[in-house]
Amino acid sequence: MSREQYYLCRVPSTKLVIILKEGDYNYMRNHERSLRVPDPEYNIVLLAQGYKEEVKAFYELINGKELNV
């Protein structure tokens, strides 16, 4: 049984950091590739990839939250 991957990404146009499930991340990447003219302000930037707990920990570090260990 494989665990689903999660992706921590930054959206350049808004500067938001978001967490995407594997299916959502793949959808965004396919949509970016389908654009006639690439738009760097639209393309998401991958910051980290891993299991939900790992990516959530990175998200909390980036946003200045303390980790509960």
N, C-alpha and C. Protein backbone atom coordinates (compact mmCIF):
# COMPACT_ATOMS: atom_id res chain seq x y z
N MET A 1 0.85 -1.18 0.00
CA MET A 1 0.00 0.00 0.00
C MET A 1 0.89 1.24 0.00
N SER A 2 0.69 2.11 -0.95
CA SER A 2 1.51 3.32 -1.02
C SER A 2 0.75 4.49 -0.40
N ARG A 3 1.49 5.35 0.23
CA ARG A 3 0.90 6.55 0.82
C ARG A 3 0.93 7.67 -0.19
N GLU A 4 -0.11 8.51 -0.14
CA GLU A 4 -0.21 9.62 -1.08
C GLU A 4 0.84 10.69 -0.79
N GLN A 5 1.42 11.22 -1.84
CA GLN A 5 2.40 12.29 -1.73
C GLN A 5 1.69 13.64 -1.66
N TYR A 6 2.30 14.56 -0.94
CA TYR A 6 1.81 15.93 -0.84
C TYR A 6 2.92 16.86 -1.31
N TYR A 7 2.54 18.05 -1.76
CA TYR A 7 3.49 19.00 -2.34
C TYR A 7 3.29 20.37 -1.71
N LEU A 8 4.37 20.94 -1.24
CA LEU A 8 4.36 22.29 -0.70
C LEU A 8 4.83 23.21 -1.83
N CYS A 9 3.98 24.17 -2.20
CA CYS A 9 4.26 25.01 -3.36
C CYS A 9 4.02 26.48 -3.03
N ARG A 10 4.72 27.34 -3.76
CA ARG A 10 4.50 28.79 -3.67
C ARG A 10 3.88 29.24 -4.98
N VAL A 11 2.85 30.08 -4.88
CA VAL A 11 2.19 30.65 -6.06
C VAL A 11 2.81 32.03 -6.27
N PRO A 12 3.61 32.21 -7.33
CA PRO A 12 4.32 33.48 -7.54
C PRO A 12 3.43 34.71 -7.58
N SER A 13 2.27 34.61 -8.19
CA SER A 13 1.42 35.79 -8.36
C SER A 13 0.86 36.31 -7.04
N THR A 14 0.65 35.42 -6.07
CA THR A 14 0.07 35.83 -4.78
C THR A 14 1.05 35.71 -3.62
N LYS A 15 2.17 35.02 -3.84
CA LYS A 15 3.18 34.75 -2.81
C LYS A 15 2.67 33.80 -1.72
N LEU A 16 1.51 33.17 -1.94
CA LEU A 16 0.97 32.23 -0.97
C LEU A 16 1.73 30.91 -1.04
N VAL A 17 1.85 30.24 0.11
CA VAL A 17 2.42 28.90 0.17
C VAL A 17 1.26 27.95 0.44
N ILE A 18 1.11 26.96 -0.44
CA ILE A 18 -0.03 26.05 -0.36
C ILE A 18 0.43 24.60 -0.33
N ILE A 19 -0.44 23.73 0.18
CA ILE A 19 -0.19 22.29 0.18
C ILE A 19 -1.17 21.66 -0.79
N LEU A 20 -0.65 20.86 -1.71
CA LEU A 20 -1.49 20.17 -2.69
C LEU A 20 -1.32 18.66 -2.57
N LYS A 21 -2.42 17.93 -2.73
CA LYS A 21 -2.33 16.48 -2.83
C LYS A 21 -1.75 16.14 -4.20
N GLU A 22 -1.28 14.91 -4.34
CA GLU A 22 -0.62 14.49 -5.57
C GLU A 22 -1.48 14.72 -6.82
N GLY A 23 -2.75 14.37 -6.76
CA GLY A 23 -3.64 14.56 -7.91
C GLY A 23 -3.80 16.01 -8.29
N ASP A 24 -3.94 16.88 -7.29
CA ASP A 24 -4.09 18.32 -7.55
C ASP A 24 -2.81 18.91 -8.12
N TYR A 25 -1.66 18.47 -7.60
CA TYR A 25 -0.37 18.95 -8.10
C TYR A 25 -0.19 18.55 -9.56
N ASN A 26 -0.49 17.29 -9.87
CA ASN A 26 -0.36 16.82 -11.25
C ASN A 26 -1.30 17.58 -12.18
N TYR A 27 -2.51 17.88 -11.71
CA TYR A 27 -3.46 18.65 -12.51
C TYR A 27 -2.90 20.04 -12.83
N MET A 28 -2.35 20.71 -11.81
CA MET A 28 -1.77 22.05 -12.01
C MET A 28 -0.62 22.00 -13.01
N ARG A 29 0.26 21.02 -12.87
CA ARG A 29 1.41 20.92 -13.79
C ARG A 29 0.95 20.65 -15.21
N ASN A 30 -0.06 19.79 -15.39
CA ASN A 30 -0.58 19.52 -16.74
C ASN A 30 -1.22 20.77 -17.33
N HIS A 31 -1.92 21.54 -16.52
CA HIS A 31 -2.53 22.77 -16.99
C HIS A 31 -1.47 23.78 -17.41
N GLU A 32 -0.40 23.90 -16.62
CA GLU A 32 0.69 24.82 -16.96
C GLU A 32 1.30 24.45 -18.30
N ARG A 33 1.48 23.15 -18.54
CA ARG A 33 2.08 22.70 -19.80
C ARG A 33 1.16 22.95 -20.99
N SER A 34 -0.16 23.00 -20.74
CA SER A 34 -1.11 23.16 -21.84
C SER A 34 -1.30 24.62 -22.27
N LEU A 35 -0.77 25.57 -21.50
CA LEU A 35 -0.89 26.97 -21.87
C LEU A 35 -0.09 27.25 -23.13
N ARG A 36 -0.63 28.05 -24.02
CA ARG A 36 0.08 28.37 -25.27
C ARG A 36 1.34 29.18 -25.00
N VAL A 37 1.23 30.14 -24.09
CA VAL A 37 2.38 30.97 -23.73
C VAL A 37 2.64 30.78 -22.25
N PRO A 38 3.80 30.22 -21.87
CA PRO A 38 4.09 30.02 -20.45
C PRO A 38 4.07 31.34 -19.68
N ASP A 39 3.51 31.31 -18.50
CA ASP A 39 3.41 32.50 -17.66
C ASP A 39 4.09 32.21 -16.32
N PRO A 40 5.31 32.71 -16.10
CA PRO A 40 6.04 32.42 -14.86
C PRO A 40 5.31 32.90 -13.61
N GLU A 41 4.44 33.88 -13.73
CA GLU A 41 3.68 34.35 -12.58
C GLU A 41 2.57 33.38 -12.20
N TYR A 42 2.20 32.51 -13.12
CA TYR A 42 1.13 31.55 -12.86
C TYR A 42 1.68 30.22 -12.36
N ASN A 43 2.83 29.79 -12.89
CA ASN A 43 3.38 28.48 -12.56
C ASN A 43 3.74 28.39 -11.08
N ILE A 44 3.31 27.30 -10.46
CA ILE A 44 3.64 27.10 -9.05
C ILE A 44 5.09 26.65 -8.92
N VAL A 45 5.69 26.97 -7.77
CA VAL A 45 7.08 26.63 -7.50
C VAL A 45 7.11 25.57 -6.42
N LEU A 46 7.69 24.42 -6.71
CA LEU A 46 7.76 23.33 -5.75
C LEU A 46 8.80 23.64 -4.68
N LEU A 47 8.39 23.58 -3.41
CA LEU A 47 9.29 23.83 -2.28
C LEU A 47 9.68 22.53 -1.57
N ALA A 48 8.71 21.60 -1.46
CA ALA A 48 8.98 20.34 -0.77
C ALA A 48 7.96 19.30 -1.21
N GLN A 49 8.37 18.04 -1.10
CA GLN A 49 7.50 16.93 -1.46
C GLN A 49 7.67 15.85 -0.41
N GLY A 50 6.58 15.21 -0.01
CA GLY A 50 6.68 14.13 0.96
C GLY A 50 5.31 13.70 1.43
N TYR A 51 5.31 12.96 2.53
CA TYR A 51 4.05 12.54 3.12
C TYR A 51 3.41 13.72 3.84
N LYS A 52 2.12 13.60 4.11
CA LYS A 52 1.35 14.71 4.66
C LYS A 52 2.01 15.32 5.90
N GLU A 53 2.46 14.50 6.83
CA GLU A 53 3.06 15.00 8.07
C GLU A 53 4.33 15.79 7.80
N GLU A 54 5.15 15.32 6.87
CA GLU A 54 6.40 15.99 6.54
C GLU A 54 6.15 17.35 5.89
N VAL A 55 5.25 17.38 4.94
CA VAL A 55 4.96 18.63 4.23
C VAL A 55 4.29 19.63 5.16
N LYS A 56 3.44 19.15 6.05
CA LYS A 56 2.79 20.05 7.01
C LYS A 56 3.84 20.67 7.94
N ALA A 57 4.84 19.91 8.33
CA ALA A 57 5.91 20.43 9.18
C ALA A 57 6.67 21.55 8.47
N PHE A 58 7.00 21.36 7.20
CA PHE A 58 7.66 22.41 6.42
C PHE A 58 6.77 23.65 6.31
N TYR A 59 5.48 23.44 6.07
CA TYR A 59 4.54 24.55 5.96
C TYR A 59 4.53 25.37 7.25
N GLU A 60 4.50 24.69 8.39
CA GLU A 60 4.48 25.38 9.68
C GLU A 60 5.78 26.13 9.93
N LEU A 61 6.90 25.57 9.52
CA LEU A 61 8.18 26.26 9.67
C LEU A 61 8.22 27.54 8.83
N ILE A 62 7.75 27.44 7.59
CA ILE A 62 7.76 28.59 6.69
C ILE A 62 6.86 29.70 7.23
N ASN A 63 5.75 29.32 7.84
CA ASN A 63 4.79 30.30 8.34
C ASN A 63 5.05 30.71 9.78
N GLY A 64 6.19 30.30 10.34
CA GLY A 64 6.58 30.76 11.67
C GLY A 64 5.83 30.12 12.81
N LYS A 65 5.26 28.95 12.60
CA LYS A 65 4.52 28.28 13.67
C LYS A 65 5.45 27.28 14.34
N GLU A 66 5.22 27.06 15.61
CA GLU A 66 6.03 26.10 16.34
C GLU A 66 5.56 24.69 16.05
N LEU A 67 6.51 23.79 15.94
CA LEU A 67 6.18 22.39 15.74
C LEU A 67 5.90 21.72 17.06
N ASN A 68 4.86 20.93 17.11
CA ASN A 68 4.56 20.11 18.29
C ASN A 68 5.16 18.74 18.06
N VAL A 69 6.23 18.45 18.78
CA VAL A 69 6.91 17.16 18.58
C VAL A 69 6.47 16.18 19.61
